[in-house]
Protein backbone atom coordinates (compact mmCIF):
# COMPACT_ATOMS: atom_id res chain seq x y z
CA MET A 1 22.82 65.73 -10.27
CA LEU A 2 21.87 68.40 -7.45
CA ARG A 3 24.70 66.26 -5.59
CA ASP A 4 27.41 67.44 -7.87
CA PHE A 5 25.64 71.13 -6.72
CA LYS A 6 25.84 71.06 -3.28
CA GLY A 7 27.81 74.32 -1.41
CA ALA A 8 26.43 76.12 -4.23
CA ALA A 9 23.54 77.42 -3.56
CA SER A 10 23.70 80.54 -5.96
CA THR A 11 23.30 77.53 -8.82
CA ARG A 12 20.66 77.69 -10.48
CA VAL A 13 19.48 74.09 -12.47
CA VAL A 14 17.97 74.75 -15.93
CA THR A 15 15.96 72.66 -17.20
CA PRO A 16 14.99 72.00 -20.48
CA LEU A 17 11.34 72.02 -19.75
CA MET A 18 11.97 75.65 -18.32
CA ARG A 19 13.02 76.49 -21.39
CA LEU A 20 10.56 75.29 -23.32
CA GLN A 21 8.23 77.94 -21.35
CA ASP A 22 10.55 80.61 -21.51
CA PRO A 23 9.21 81.93 -24.32
CA ASP A 24 12.53 84.19 -24.88
CA TYR A 25 14.36 81.26 -25.28
CA THR A 26 12.28 79.67 -27.23
CA ARG A 27 9.34 79.66 -29.75
CA ILE A 28 7.13 76.49 -30.21
CA VAL A 29 5.64 76.57 -34.22
CA LEU A 30 2.82 74.40 -34.70
CA VAL A 31 2.49 73.34 -38.16
CA THR A 32 -0.44 71.69 -39.21
CA LEU A 33 -2.59 70.93 -42.24
CA PRO A 34 -5.61 73.04 -43.69
CA GLU A 35 -7.83 69.90 -43.29
CA THR A 36 -10.44 69.04 -40.39
CA THR A 37 -8.41 66.09 -38.93
CA PRO A 38 -4.82 67.64 -38.67
CA VAL A 39 -5.79 70.77 -37.24
CA SER A 40 -7.63 69.38 -34.29
CA GLU A 41 -4.68 66.92 -33.51
CA ALA A 42 -2.68 70.64 -33.59
CA ALA A 43 -4.91 71.86 -31.52
CA ALA A 44 -5.11 68.63 -29.32
CA LEU A 45 -0.93 68.61 -29.08
CA GLN A 46 -1.77 72.98 -27.94
CA GLU A 47 -4.33 71.64 -25.30
CA ASP A 48 -1.33 69.32 -23.85
CA LEU A 49 1.45 71.86 -24.31
CA LYS A 50 -0.36 74.87 -22.08
CA ARG A 51 -1.04 72.74 -19.63
CA ALA A 52 2.88 72.49 -19.44
CA ARG A 53 2.89 75.89 -18.92
CA ILE A 54 4.69 76.29 -23.02
CA GLU A 55 2.39 78.48 -25.16
CA PRO A 56 2.30 78.11 -28.62
CA PHE A 57 4.09 81.08 -30.65
CA ALA A 58 2.59 80.81 -34.05
CA TRP A 59 0.78 78.30 -35.95
CA VAL A 60 1.83 78.11 -39.82
CA VAL A 61 -1.18 75.94 -42.44
CA ASN A 62 1.15 74.37 -44.94
CA ARG A 63 0.88 73.29 -48.24
CA SER A 64 -2.81 75.40 -49.26
CA LEU A 65 -4.40 75.70 -51.68
CA ALA A 66 -5.89 79.18 -51.83
CA THR A 67 -4.09 80.90 -53.88
CA SER A 68 -3.70 78.43 -56.84
CA GLY A 69 -6.28 80.36 -58.72
CA THR A 70 -7.86 77.45 -59.86
CA THR A 71 -11.11 76.84 -61.65
CA SER A 72 -11.55 73.20 -61.13
CA PRO A 73 -15.11 72.74 -58.23
CA VAL A 74 -13.99 70.08 -57.05
CA LEU A 75 -10.83 72.54 -55.81
CA ALA A 76 -12.60 75.27 -55.56
CA ALA A 77 -14.83 73.10 -52.88
CA ARG A 78 -11.50 72.35 -51.28
CA ILE A 79 -10.22 75.23 -50.80
CA ALA A 80 -13.59 76.30 -48.74
CA GLY A 81 -12.84 73.38 -46.40
CA GLU A 82 -9.16 74.13 -46.22
CA MET A 83 -10.19 78.50 -45.67
CA GLN A 84 -13.17 77.42 -42.76
CA GLN A 85 -9.69 75.36 -41.20
CA VAL A 86 -7.28 78.67 -41.26
CA ARG A 87 -10.26 80.12 -39.86
CA ARG A 88 -10.54 78.01 -37.27
CA VAL A 89 -7.18 78.64 -36.86
CA ALA A 90 -6.74 82.09 -36.86
CA SER A 91 -9.77 82.63 -34.92
CA SER A 92 -9.89 81.15 -31.80
CA LEU A 93 -6.12 78.81 -32.00
CA ALA A 94 -3.27 81.11 -32.79
CA GLN A 95 -1.99 84.25 -31.90
CA ARG A 96 0.18 84.39 -34.83
CA THR A 97 -0.84 82.35 -38.13
CA PHE A 98 0.77 81.95 -40.81
CA VAL A 99 -0.08 80.08 -44.80
CA VAL A 100 2.46 78.43 -46.40
CA PRO A 101 0.23 77.78 -50.65
CA TRP A 102 1.15 74.41 -51.51
CA ARG A 103 4.13 74.40 -53.80
CA GLN A 104 5.29 71.55 -56.54
CA GLU A 105 8.31 71.75 -54.62
CA PRO A 106 8.76 72.10 -51.49
CA PRO A 107 10.56 75.58 -49.37
CA VAL A 108 13.83 73.91 -48.03
CA GLY A 109 16.52 75.90 -47.12
CA ILE A 110 17.37 79.38 -45.41
CA GLN A 111 17.07 80.94 -49.04
CA ALA A 112 13.24 78.98 -50.03
CA LEU A 113 12.03 80.55 -46.67
CA GLY A 114 13.31 83.50 -47.72
CA GLN A 115 11.43 83.68 -50.75
CA LEU A 116 8.33 82.94 -48.66
CA ASP A 117 4.88 85.50 -48.55
CA GLU A 118 5.79 87.67 -45.74
CA LYS A 119 2.54 88.19 -44.59
CA PRO A 120 0.15 86.47 -42.00
CA ALA A 121 -2.82 85.18 -43.03
CA SER A 122 -5.99 86.84 -42.88
CA ALA A 123 -8.93 85.09 -41.84
């Protein structure tokens, strides 16, 4: 590939990795479920990215039951566990954290995503 650029000393080669490392060009968003194993796996991925000098822009915690308003003791216990993971993400893993509530139909497309609450998670 560099053979084609001989003689063009002022040409700068931009690789895909360079684009991923440039926060003005690419924003990496990690998406996880509010459970211990998925958050731990996403945290490990983030460490791999950081070793490659790629800083994630934000984390999205998907399918949270926290705003469901349930009165079920079983689901209330699950929500307590979810909130522990949301706090873990927001306090020590992410610069920005957003929580997407559980929905019967997932938000697909620009219009559906636009209807989500735009406020970041409060941990």
